[in-house]
N, C-alpha and C. Protein backbone atom coordinates (compact mmCIF):
# COMPACT_ATOMS: atom_id res chain seq x y z
N MET A 1 64.04 49.74 150.06
CA MET A 1 62.90 50.50 149.46
C MET A 1 63.10 51.75 149.78
N GLU A 2 63.59 52.40 150.94
CA GLU A 2 64.21 53.63 151.14
C GLU A 2 65.31 54.06 150.15
N ASP A 3 66.47 53.25 150.06
CA ASP A 3 67.45 53.68 148.99
C ASP A 3 66.92 53.64 147.71
N SER A 4 65.92 53.01 147.09
CA SER A 4 65.24 53.16 145.94
C SER A 4 64.45 54.67 145.86
N SER A 5 63.96 54.82 146.95
CA SER A 5 63.31 55.98 147.01
C SER A 5 64.26 57.26 146.99
N VAL A 6 65.11 57.62 147.43
CA VAL A 6 66.14 58.51 147.66
C VAL A 6 67.10 58.30 146.33
N MET A 7 67.38 57.36 145.56
CA MET A 7 67.93 57.37 144.02
C MET A 7 66.81 57.96 143.37
N THR A 8 65.67 57.67 143.39
CA THR A 8 64.49 58.10 142.33
C THR A 8 64.67 59.86 142.49
N ARG A 9 64.70 60.07 143.80
CA ARG A 9 64.58 61.71 144.05
C ARG A 9 65.69 62.59 143.60
N GLN A 10 67.01 61.76 143.78
CA GLN A 10 68.14 62.49 143.19
C GLN A 10 68.09 62.64 141.71
N VAL A 11 67.71 61.10 140.91
CA VAL A 11 67.61 61.25 139.35
C VAL A 11 66.61 62.30 139.00
N ALA A 12 65.38 62.68 139.75
CA ALA A 12 64.54 63.51 139.44
C ALA A 12 65.03 64.79 139.54
N ARG A 13 65.75 65.28 140.69
CA ARG A 13 66.52 66.61 140.86
C ARG A 13 67.48 66.66 139.56
N THR A 14 68.20 65.96 139.40
CA THR A 14 69.48 66.09 138.50
C THR A 14 68.82 66.15 136.96
N SER A 15 67.74 65.49 136.76
CA SER A 15 66.90 65.88 135.46
C SER A 15 66.41 67.25 135.56
N VAL A 16 65.80 68.07 136.80
CA VAL A 16 65.17 69.06 136.70
C VAL A 16 66.20 70.21 136.71
N GLU A 17 67.38 69.86 137.20
CA GLU A 17 68.84 70.74 136.96
C GLU A 17 69.16 70.83 135.56
N SER A 18 69.20 69.61 134.64
CA SER A 18 69.39 69.74 133.54
C SER A 18 68.66 70.38 132.74
N ALA A 19 67.08 70.23 132.71
CA ALA A 19 66.40 70.96 131.93
C ALA A 19 66.39 72.57 132.31
N GLY A 20 66.98 72.94 133.59
CA GLY A 20 66.81 74.62 133.77
C GLY A 20 68.25 74.82 133.19
N SER A 21 69.09 74.45 133.16
CA SER A 21 70.33 74.83 132.33
C SER A 21 70.48 75.08 130.99
N SER A 22 69.71 73.96 130.47
CA SER A 22 69.62 74.20 128.96
C SER A 22 68.92 75.58 128.09
N PRO A 23 67.96 76.01 128.76
CA PRO A 23 67.76 77.43 128.27
C PRO A 23 68.84 78.41 128.40
N SER A 24 69.45 78.24 129.67
CA SER A 24 70.64 79.11 130.01
C SER A 24 71.88 79.00 128.55
N LEU A 25 72.29 77.52 128.75
CA LEU A 25 73.19 77.56 127.40
C LEU A 25 72.65 77.69 126.29
N PHE A 26 71.61 77.75 125.68
CA PHE A 26 70.92 78.15 124.36
C PHE A 26 70.76 79.75 124.17
N ARG A 27 70.70 80.20 125.56
CA ARG A 27 70.73 81.95 125.58
C ARG A 27 72.28 82.51 125.34
N GLU A 28 73.03 81.45 126.00
CA GLU A 28 74.56 82.29 125.84
C GLU A 28 75.21 81.90 124.48
N VAL A 29 74.56 80.68 123.94
CA VAL A 29 75.13 80.57 122.58
C VAL A 29 74.46 81.15 121.78
N VAL A 30 73.10 81.77 121.62
CA VAL A 30 72.74 82.88 120.78
C VAL A 30 73.38 84.16 121.12
N GLU A 31 73.63 85.01 122.27
CA GLU A 31 74.27 86.17 122.72
C GLU A 31 75.49 85.96 121.97
N THR A 32 76.16 84.65 121.98
CA THR A 32 77.65 84.60 121.48
C THR A 32 77.73 84.89 119.86
N ILE A 33 76.79 84.37 119.27
CA ILE A 33 76.36 84.49 117.72
C ILE A 33 76.19 85.84 117.61
N LEU A 34 75.32 86.43 118.03
CA LEU A 34 75.02 87.90 117.89
C LEU A 34 75.92 89.11 118.40
N LEU A 35 76.74 88.82 119.24
CA LEU A 35 77.59 89.43 119.44
C LEU A 35 79.05 89.39 118.43
N THR A 36 79.27 88.42 118.08
CA THR A 36 80.11 87.95 116.74
C THR A 36 79.45 88.68 115.87
N ALA A 37 78.36 88.67 115.39
CA ALA A 37 77.77 89.33 113.99
C ALA A 37 77.73 90.73 114.09
N ILE A 38 77.53 91.11 115.48
CA ILE A 38 77.89 92.77 115.79
C ILE A 38 79.23 93.08 115.32
N VAL A 39 80.23 92.73 115.83
CA VAL A 39 81.41 92.75 115.97
C VAL A 39 81.64 93.11 114.58
N PHE A 40 81.49 91.89 113.83
CA PHE A 40 81.81 91.59 112.30
C PHE A 40 81.22 93.05 111.57
N LEU A 41 79.99 93.35 111.80
CA LEU A 41 79.40 94.21 110.90
C LEU A 41 80.32 95.56 111.09
N VAL A 42 80.35 95.84 112.74
CA VAL A 42 81.05 96.95 113.04
C VAL A 42 82.58 97.13 112.34
N VAL A 43 83.36 96.34 112.06
CA VAL A 43 84.73 96.24 111.80
C VAL A 43 84.29 96.21 110.29
N ASN A 44 83.51 95.68 109.88
CA ASN A 44 83.28 96.02 108.36
C ASN A 44 82.71 97.48 107.72
N ALA A 45 82.25 98.14 108.96
CA ALA A 45 81.74 99.15 108.41
C ALA A 45 82.85 100.33 108.71
N ALA A 46 83.87 99.98 109.64
CA ALA A 46 84.96 101.01 109.74
C ALA A 46 86.15 100.83 108.81
N THR A 47 86.08 99.47 108.45
CA THR A 47 87.27 98.90 107.90
C THR A 47 87.11 98.53 106.49
N GLY A 48 88.02 98.61 105.42
CA GLY A 48 88.14 97.65 104.50
C GLY A 48 88.99 96.62 103.93
N ARG A 49 89.22 96.07 103.05
CA ARG A 49 90.52 95.18 102.73
C ARG A 49 90.40 95.55 101.20
N PHE A 50 91.92 95.59 100.84
CA PHE A 50 92.05 95.81 99.40
C PHE A 50 93.31 95.16 98.89
N SER A 51 93.42 94.28 97.81
CA SER A 51 94.44 93.62 97.60
C SER A 51 94.91 94.01 96.14
N LEU A 52 96.46 94.18 96.10
CA LEU A 52 97.12 94.99 95.12
C LEU A 52 97.14 93.83 93.95
N ASP A 53 96.86 94.55 92.73
CA ASP A 53 97.02 93.38 91.57
C ASP A 53 98.14 93.91 90.34
N GLY A 54 98.74 94.99 90.78
CA GLY A 54 99.89 95.72 89.94
C GLY A 54 100.67 96.51 90.57
N PRO A 55 101.98 96.67 89.54
CA PRO A 55 102.92 97.31 90.58
C PRO A 55 103.24 99.17 90.39
N SER A 56 101.63 99.66 90.34
CA SER A 56 101.76 101.07 90.22
C SER A 56 102.22 101.95 91.50
N MET A 57 102.20 101.03 92.64
CA MET A 57 102.49 101.68 93.93
C MET A 57 103.94 101.16 94.51
N GLN A 58 104.63 100.63 93.44
CA GLN A 58 106.08 100.03 94.17
C GLN A 58 106.96 101.65 94.06
N PRO A 59 107.82 101.35 95.06
CA PRO A 59 108.15 100.54 95.92
C PRO A 59 107.49 100.62 97.45
N THR A 60 106.63 101.29 97.42
CA THR A 60 105.44 101.50 98.90
C THR A 60 104.92 100.14 98.99
N LEU A 61 104.09 99.77 98.22
CA LEU A 61 103.11 98.74 98.03
C LEU A 61 103.59 97.89 96.92
N HIS A 62 103.55 96.50 96.96
CA HIS A 62 103.60 95.57 96.07
C HIS A 62 102.66 94.62 95.49
N LYS A 63 102.56 94.05 94.32
CA LYS A 63 101.57 93.34 93.96
C LYS A 63 101.59 92.04 94.98
N GLY A 64 100.35 91.70 95.12
CA GLY A 64 100.23 90.28 96.09
C GLY A 64 99.78 91.02 97.27
N GLU A 65 100.31 92.08 97.73
CA GLU A 65 99.79 92.45 99.23
C GLU A 65 98.83 92.97 99.28
N TYR A 66 97.90 92.52 100.55
CA TYR A 66 96.75 93.18 101.15
C TYR A 66 96.72 94.17 102.03
N VAL A 67 95.74 95.15 102.25
CA VAL A 67 95.95 96.30 102.79
C VAL A 67 94.78 96.48 103.48
N ILE A 68 94.72 96.89 104.86
CA ILE A 68 93.43 97.59 105.32
C ILE A 68 93.27 98.56 105.34
N VAL A 69 92.06 99.11 105.07
CA VAL A 69 91.42 100.52 104.54
C VAL A 69 90.84 101.05 105.83
N SER A 70 90.97 102.33 106.20
CA SER A 70 90.20 102.80 107.27
C SER A 70 88.94 103.69 106.82
N ARG A 71 87.70 103.40 106.87
CA ARG A 71 86.84 103.91 106.40
C ARG A 71 86.29 105.31 107.32
N LEU A 72 86.79 105.25 108.46
CA LEU A 72 86.38 106.29 109.67
C LEU A 72 87.47 107.66 109.51
N SER A 73 88.64 107.62 108.98
CA SER A 73 89.68 108.81 108.66
C SER A 73 89.12 109.91 108.18
N TYR A 74 88.16 109.63 107.15
CA TYR A 74 88.00 110.95 106.43
C TYR A 74 86.55 111.45 107.14
N LYS A 75 85.73 110.79 108.24
CA LYS A 75 85.31 111.25 108.89
C LYS A 75 85.35 112.22 110.21
N LEU A 76 86.59 112.06 110.49
CA LEU A 76 87.24 112.72 111.24
C LEU A 76 88.35 113.84 110.95
N HIS A 77 88.65 113.81 109.68
CA HIS A 77 89.70 114.88 109.31
C HIS A 77 89.78 114.74 107.65
N PRO A 78 90.00 115.65 107.14
CA PRO A 78 90.07 115.68 105.84
C PRO A 78 91.23 115.08 105.17
N VAL A 79 91.04 114.63 103.87
CA VAL A 79 92.18 114.18 103.21
C VAL A 79 93.34 114.80 103.35
N GLU A 80 94.34 114.33 103.42
CA GLU A 80 95.81 115.00 103.21
C GLU A 80 96.76 114.82 102.43
N ARG A 81 97.86 115.76 101.87
CA ARG A 81 98.74 115.52 100.69
C ARG A 81 99.60 114.12 101.50
N GLY A 82 99.85 113.29 100.66
CA GLY A 82 100.58 112.17 100.89
C GLY A 82 99.88 110.94 101.31
N ASP A 83 98.48 111.30 101.59
CA ASP A 83 97.73 109.81 101.91
C ASP A 83 97.59 109.14 100.99
N VAL A 84 97.86 107.68 101.26
CA VAL A 84 97.38 106.83 100.02
C VAL A 84 96.23 106.01 100.40
N ILE A 85 95.11 106.34 99.17
CA ILE A 85 93.64 106.12 99.44
C ILE A 85 93.34 104.95 98.57
N VAL A 86 92.04 104.53 98.79
CA VAL A 86 91.34 103.68 97.91
C VAL A 86 90.01 104.33 97.46
N PHE A 87 90.14 104.39 96.32
CA PHE A 87 88.70 104.81 95.62
C PHE A 87 88.07 104.03 94.60
N GLN A 88 86.90 104.45 94.29
CA GLN A 88 86.00 103.62 92.98
C GLN A 88 86.41 104.54 91.76
N LEU A 89 86.56 103.64 90.57
CA LEU A 89 86.58 104.12 89.15
C LEU A 89 85.29 103.40 88.91
N PRO A 90 85.01 103.78 87.39
CA PRO A 90 83.87 102.80 86.91
C PRO A 90 84.32 101.40 86.66
N GLU A 91 85.76 101.29 86.16
CA GLU A 91 86.35 99.83 86.11
C GLU A 91 86.90 99.27 87.28
N GLY A 92 86.68 99.70 88.30
CA GLY A 92 86.91 99.05 89.79
C GLY A 92 87.82 99.76 90.84
N MET A 93 88.07 99.22 92.10
CA MET A 93 88.53 99.99 92.97
C MET A 93 90.33 100.19 92.63
N ARG A 94 90.82 101.30 92.98
CA ARG A 94 91.94 101.79 92.51
C ARG A 94 92.61 102.30 93.97
N ILE A 95 93.83 102.21 94.16
CA ILE A 95 94.88 102.65 95.42
C ILE A 95 96.13 103.44 94.84
N LYS A 96 96.20 105.03 95.24
CA LYS A 96 97.25 105.80 94.76
C LYS A 96 97.26 106.60 95.72
N ARG A 97 98.35 107.59 95.68
CA ARG A 97 98.61 108.68 96.27
C ARG A 97 98.10 110.13 96.26
N VAL A 98 97.55 110.79 97.13
CA VAL A 98 97.34 112.13 97.02
C VAL A 98 98.28 112.88 96.94
N LEU A 99 98.59 113.98 95.71
CA LEU A 99 99.38 114.86 95.65
C LEU A 99 98.52 116.55 95.71
N GLY A 100 97.58 116.37 95.27
CA GLY A 100 96.91 117.60 94.94
C GLY A 100 95.61 117.62 95.32
N LEU A 101 95.30 118.55 96.14
CA LEU A 101 94.18 118.85 97.20
C LEU A 101 93.19 119.92 96.27
N PRO A 102 91.91 120.06 97.05
CA PRO A 102 90.81 120.61 96.46
C PRO A 102 91.19 122.40 96.22
N GLY A 103 91.02 123.06 95.05
CA GLY A 103 91.64 124.33 94.92
C GLY A 103 92.95 124.33 94.45
N GLU A 104 93.73 123.50 94.74
CA GLU A 104 95.35 123.82 94.09
C GLU A 104 95.35 123.55 92.86
N THR A 105 96.29 123.86 92.22
CA THR A 105 96.49 123.53 90.69
C THR A 105 98.05 122.88 90.46
N ILE A 106 97.93 121.76 89.85
CA ILE A 106 99.03 120.85 89.72
C ILE A 106 99.71 120.64 88.52
N GLU A 107 100.70 120.88 88.34
CA GLU A 107 101.50 120.45 87.17
C GLU A 107 102.69 119.56 87.32
N ILE A 108 103.05 119.19 86.18
CA ILE A 108 104.16 118.02 86.13
C ILE A 108 104.94 118.09 85.05
N ARG A 109 106.49 118.45 85.83
CA ARG A 109 107.64 118.68 84.62
C ARG A 109 108.72 117.86 84.55
N HIS A 110 108.84 117.15 83.50
CA HIS A 110 109.60 115.98 83.49
C HIS A 110 109.45 114.86 84.97
N GLY A 111 108.32 114.68 85.06
CA GLY A 111 108.40 113.85 86.24
C GLY A 111 108.39 114.42 87.50
N GLN A 112 108.79 115.75 87.74
CA GLN A 112 108.55 116.40 89.14
C GLN A 112 107.38 116.95 89.11
N VAL A 113 106.62 117.08 90.55
CA VAL A 113 105.35 117.24 90.77
C VAL A 113 105.17 118.97 91.38
N PHE A 114 104.98 120.01 90.71
CA PHE A 114 104.61 121.21 91.17
C PHE A 114 103.29 121.58 91.84
N VAL A 115 102.73 122.03 92.88
CA VAL A 115 101.74 122.42 93.52
C VAL A 115 101.67 124.13 93.34
N ASN A 116 100.86 124.58 92.86
CA ASN A 116 100.78 126.05 92.77
C ASN A 116 102.03 126.98 92.49
N GLY A 117 102.68 126.04 91.80
CA GLY A 117 104.27 126.48 91.15
C GLY A 117 105.25 125.95 92.01
N GLN A 118 104.92 125.29 93.22
CA GLN A 118 105.77 124.93 94.10
C GLN A 118 106.13 123.33 93.91
N PHE A 119 107.70 123.25 94.00
CA PHE A 119 108.26 121.88 93.87
C PHE A 119 107.68 120.95 95.01
N ILE A 120 106.91 119.72 94.82
CA ILE A 120 106.86 118.77 95.91
C ILE A 120 107.75 117.79 95.96
N PRO A 121 108.76 117.90 96.96
CA PRO A 121 110.01 116.67 96.84
C PRO A 121 108.92 115.41 97.20
N GLU A 122 109.71 114.10 96.80
CA GLU A 122 108.84 112.93 97.24
C GLU A 122 110.16 111.92 97.19
N THR A 123 110.57 111.82 98.80
CA THR A 123 111.86 110.81 98.69
C THR A 123 111.40 109.55 98.45
N TYR A 124 110.20 108.94 98.32
CA TYR A 124 109.74 107.67 98.61
C TYR A 124 109.48 107.31 97.06
N VAL A 125 109.55 107.86 96.24
CA VAL A 125 109.51 107.84 94.32
C VAL A 125 110.91 107.35 94.26
N LYS A 126 111.13 106.18 93.67
CA LYS A 126 112.23 105.63 92.88
C LYS A 126 112.29 105.89 91.45
N ASN A 127 111.04 105.87 90.87
CA ASN A 127 110.71 105.80 89.51
C ASN A 127 110.17 107.03 89.17
N PRO A 128 110.63 108.18 89.21
CA PRO A 128 110.00 109.33 89.00
C PRO A 128 108.94 109.59 87.62
N GLY A 129 109.67 109.05 86.73
CA GLY A 129 109.23 109.07 85.08
C GLY A 129 109.82 110.68 84.58
N THR A 130 109.10 110.61 83.47
CA THR A 130 110.26 111.72 82.51
C THR A 130 109.01 112.26 81.93
N TYR A 131 107.51 112.03 82.08
CA TYR A 131 106.57 112.79 81.16
C TYR A 131 106.63 114.10 82.02
N SER A 132 105.67 115.04 81.47
CA SER A 132 105.27 116.49 81.99
C SER A 132 103.42 116.53 81.65
N MET A 133 102.83 117.35 82.28
CA MET A 133 101.43 117.27 82.23
C MET A 133 101.43 118.99 82.38
N PRO A 134 100.90 119.68 81.78
CA PRO A 134 100.38 121.10 81.86
C PRO A 134 99.41 121.29 82.93
N SER A 135 99.46 122.43 83.58
CA SER A 135 98.76 122.84 84.80
C SER A 135 97.15 122.53 84.73
N ARG A 136 97.08 121.86 86.11
CA ARG A 136 95.31 121.55 86.04
C ARG A 136 94.76 122.06 87.07
N ALA A 137 93.74 122.53 87.35
CA ALA A 137 92.85 123.26 88.56
C ALA A 137 92.02 121.99 89.30
N MET A 138 92.11 122.09 90.41
CA MET A 138 91.35 121.23 91.22
C MET A 138 89.79 121.78 91.74
N GLY A 139 88.70 121.04 91.50
CA GLY A 139 87.48 121.68 91.94
C GLY A 139 87.64 121.66 93.66
N PRO A 140 86.37 122.21 94.19
CA PRO A 140 86.00 122.07 95.81
C PRO A 140 86.24 120.71 96.12
N ASP A 141 86.09 119.65 95.58
CA ASP A 141 85.78 117.96 96.19
C ASP A 141 86.62 117.24 95.19
N GLU A 142 87.86 117.53 94.80
CA GLU A 142 88.69 117.06 93.58
C GLU A 142 90.21 116.89 94.27
N TYR A 143 90.61 115.63 94.08
CA TYR A 143 91.96 115.37 94.73
C TYR A 143 92.60 114.72 93.09
N PHE A 144 93.86 115.31 93.16
CA PHE A 144 94.86 114.94 92.01
C PHE A 144 95.87 113.58 92.62
N VAL A 145 95.79 112.31 92.38
CA VAL A 145 96.43 111.24 92.66
C VAL A 145 97.36 110.65 91.58
N LEU A 146 98.35 110.31 92.15
CA LEU A 146 99.33 109.66 91.23
C LEU A 146 99.98 108.20 92.10
N GLY A 147 100.53 107.26 91.34
CA GLY A 147 100.78 105.87 91.64
C GLY A 147 102.63 106.35 91.94
N ASP A 148 103.12 105.45 93.03
CA ASP A 148 104.50 105.98 93.15
C ASP A 148 105.21 105.57 92.13
N ASN A 149 105.01 104.73 91.52
CA ASN A 149 105.77 103.80 90.18
C ASN A 149 105.22 104.74 88.90
N ARG A 150 105.86 106.11 89.04
CA ARG A 150 105.37 107.14 87.93
C ARG A 150 104.98 106.49 86.73
N ASP A 151 106.20 105.89 85.89
CA ASP A 151 105.97 105.61 84.47
C ASP A 151 105.39 104.26 84.22
N ASN A 152 104.72 103.45 85.55
CA ASN A 152 104.02 102.45 85.16
C ASN A 152 102.85 102.21 85.96
N SER A 153 102.07 103.65 85.97
CA SER A 153 100.82 103.81 86.60
C SER A 153 99.96 104.85 85.52
N SER A 154 98.65 104.29 85.90
CA SER A 154 97.36 105.10 85.40
C SER A 154 96.74 105.59 86.21
N ASP A 155 96.90 107.21 86.18
CA ASP A 155 96.49 107.74 87.38
C ASP A 155 95.56 109.07 87.07
N SER A 156 95.86 110.22 87.88
CA SER A 156 95.25 111.49 87.48
C SER A 156 95.89 112.04 86.09
N HIS A 157 96.93 111.86 86.01
CA HIS A 157 97.71 112.62 85.01
C HIS A 157 96.90 112.04 83.67
N ASN A 158 96.08 110.66 83.63
CA ASN A 158 95.93 110.13 82.66
C ASN A 158 94.27 110.60 81.95
N TRP A 159 93.49 110.38 83.54
CA TRP A 159 92.23 110.79 83.54
C TRP A 159 91.63 111.31 84.39
N GLY A 160 92.23 112.23 85.15
CA GLY A 160 91.58 113.23 85.95
C GLY A 160 91.75 113.16 87.49
N PRO A 161 90.98 114.30 87.89
CA PRO A 161 90.93 114.29 89.58
C PRO A 161 90.05 112.94 90.00
N VAL A 162 90.18 112.71 91.58
CA VAL A 162 89.08 111.73 91.85
C VAL A 162 88.25 112.87 92.75
N SER A 163 87.00 112.35 92.81
CA SER A 163 86.28 112.97 93.63
C SER A 163 85.98 112.65 95.15
N LEU A 164 85.66 113.49 96.02
CA LEU A 164 85.62 113.24 97.34
C LEU A 164 84.67 111.72 97.63
N SER A 165 83.78 112.14 96.81
CA SER A 165 82.40 111.02 97.28
C SER A 165 82.86 109.29 96.23
N ALA A 166 83.80 109.53 95.83
CA ALA A 166 84.56 108.46 95.24
C ALA A 166 85.51 107.69 96.14
N ILE A 167 85.99 108.07 97.23
CA ILE A 167 87.19 107.76 97.88
C ILE A 167 86.38 106.97 99.05
N ASP A 168 86.77 105.56 99.20
CA ASP A 168 86.36 104.62 100.19
C ASP A 168 87.01 104.81 101.46
N GLY A 169 88.37 104.97 101.52
CA GLY A 169 89.16 105.38 102.94
C GLY A 169 90.48 105.28 102.53
N LYS A 170 91.37 105.35 104.12
CA LYS A 170 92.65 105.58 103.70
C LYS A 170 93.48 104.26 104.23
N ALA A 171 94.57 103.63 103.10
CA ALA A 171 95.02 102.77 103.32
C ALA A 171 95.91 102.79 104.40
N TRP A 172 95.91 102.22 105.38
CA TRP A 172 96.25 102.08 106.79
C TRP A 172 97.71 101.10 107.09
N LEU A 173 97.16 99.80 106.65
CA LEU A 173 98.25 98.59 107.25
C LEU A 173 98.40 97.66 106.13
N ILE A 174 99.35 97.19 105.91
CA ILE A 174 99.67 95.93 104.96
C ILE A 174 99.46 94.88 106.09
N TYR A 175 98.60 93.79 105.77
CA TYR A 175 98.37 92.72 107.02
C TYR A 175 98.77 91.40 105.92
N TRP A 176 99.08 91.56 104.50
CA TRP A 176 99.38 90.22 104.08
C TRP A 176 100.57 90.30 102.83
N PRO A 177 101.43 89.67 102.60
CA PRO A 177 101.73 88.56 103.64
C PRO A 177 102.49 88.72 104.89
N PRO A 178 102.37 87.73 105.71
CA PRO A 178 102.83 87.91 107.04
C PRO A 178 104.17 89.07 107.03
N GLN A 179 104.92 88.40 106.50
CA GLN A 179 106.61 88.99 106.32
C GLN A 179 106.25 90.47 106.06
N ASP A 180 105.39 91.09 105.39
CA ASP A 180 105.40 92.57 104.77
C ASP A 180 104.43 93.19 105.87
N TRP A 181 104.24 92.81 107.05
CA TRP A 181 103.03 93.61 108.31
C TRP A 181 103.98 94.92 108.21
N SER A 182 103.36 96.09 108.08
CA SER A 182 103.62 97.38 108.39
C SER A 182 102.31 98.24 108.34
N LEU A 183 102.60 99.14 109.04
CA LEU A 183 101.87 100.43 108.82
C LEU A 183 102.36 101.22 107.68
N ILE A 184 101.36 101.58 106.88
CA ILE A 184 101.63 102.45 105.72
C ILE A 184 102.38 103.83 106.06
N ALA A 185 103.42 104.33 105.72
CA ALA A 185 104.08 105.38 106.14
C ALA A 185 103.40 106.60 105.64
N HIS A 186 103.42 107.71 106.28
CA HIS A 186 102.87 109.15 105.89
C HIS A 186 103.97 110.15 105.72
N TYR A 187 104.20 110.82 104.84
CA TYR A 187 105.11 111.79 104.68
C TYR A 187 104.93 113.49 104.91
N SER A 188 105.99 113.80 105.33
CA SER A 188 105.59 115.47 105.63
C SER A 188 106.01 116.20 104.22
N TYR A 189 105.32 117.13 103.81
CA TYR A 189 105.75 117.80 102.86
C TYR A 189 105.70 119.28 103.09
N PRO A 190 106.57 120.41 102.30
CA PRO A 190 106.61 121.63 102.50
C PRO A 190 105.41 122.60 102.67
N THR A 191 104.97 123.23 103.22
CA THR A 191 103.54 124.00 103.13
C THR A 191 103.66 124.59 101.54
N VAL A 192 102.45 124.43 101.20
CA VAL A 192 102.15 124.94 99.95
C VAL A 192 101.57 126.37 99.96
N GLN A 193 102.28 127.10 99.11
CA GLN A 193 102.03 128.80 99.12
C GLN A 193 100.50 128.85 98.03
N LEU A 194 99.69 129.60 98.59
CA LEU A 194 98.64 130.19 97.80
C LEU A 194 99.29 130.77 96.54
N PRO A 195 98.44 130.58 95.28
CA PRO A 195 99.15 131.74 94.32
C PRO A 195 98.87 132.85 94.27
N SER A 196 99.60 133.68 94.13
CA SER A 196 99.60 135.36 94.08
C SER A 196 98.09 135.73 93.81
N TYR A 197 97.33 135.32 92.76
CA TYR A 197 96.05 135.51 92.52
C TYR A 197 95.09 135.51 93.62
N ALA A 198 95.21 134.58 94.38
CA ALA A 198 94.21 133.81 95.37
C ALA A 198 94.83 134.44 96.81
N LYS A 199 95.67 135.46 96.98
CA LYS A 199 96.02 135.91 98.21
C LYS A 199 95.25 137.12 98.23
């Protein structure tokens, strides 16, 4: 009789402990889900993803590659010459390299880019193209962009500059396919002089 009574008390205690742990387990599950959701939202607010569907950025980027886009970069510092940016056009998102900055004048002579009359060397361009473009002045929030594969790229020499408000962010990292994983290189350029009339 005594043994039966002891066993009953143990079963009751175990049941109480199990009942007490259930709300704690439920709370942990809810907290984990909420934390995951918050991390997901923060990551998506700070970064974007873009897939290349054409050859316009070869040899830097290739069709089928996926890149991570930093949306925080231009909240911390301005767009720089040489940045590879993702931006919105009426027909969809595009990716190109920035060559001209606000207030500058851009000209293309037989595939060579000149900014304020100064030649801009581009070692990463393997197909410089042969076309020319007369001088175009950039407005206060306008950027002149070109694809690295010049003869196979629709860009600012066709449809004009990109406004700051249209820029989604800076292309930062190739993450797919795995064998192409790498940071997107940033190149240095000579300091561009102001035109004589602006000095």
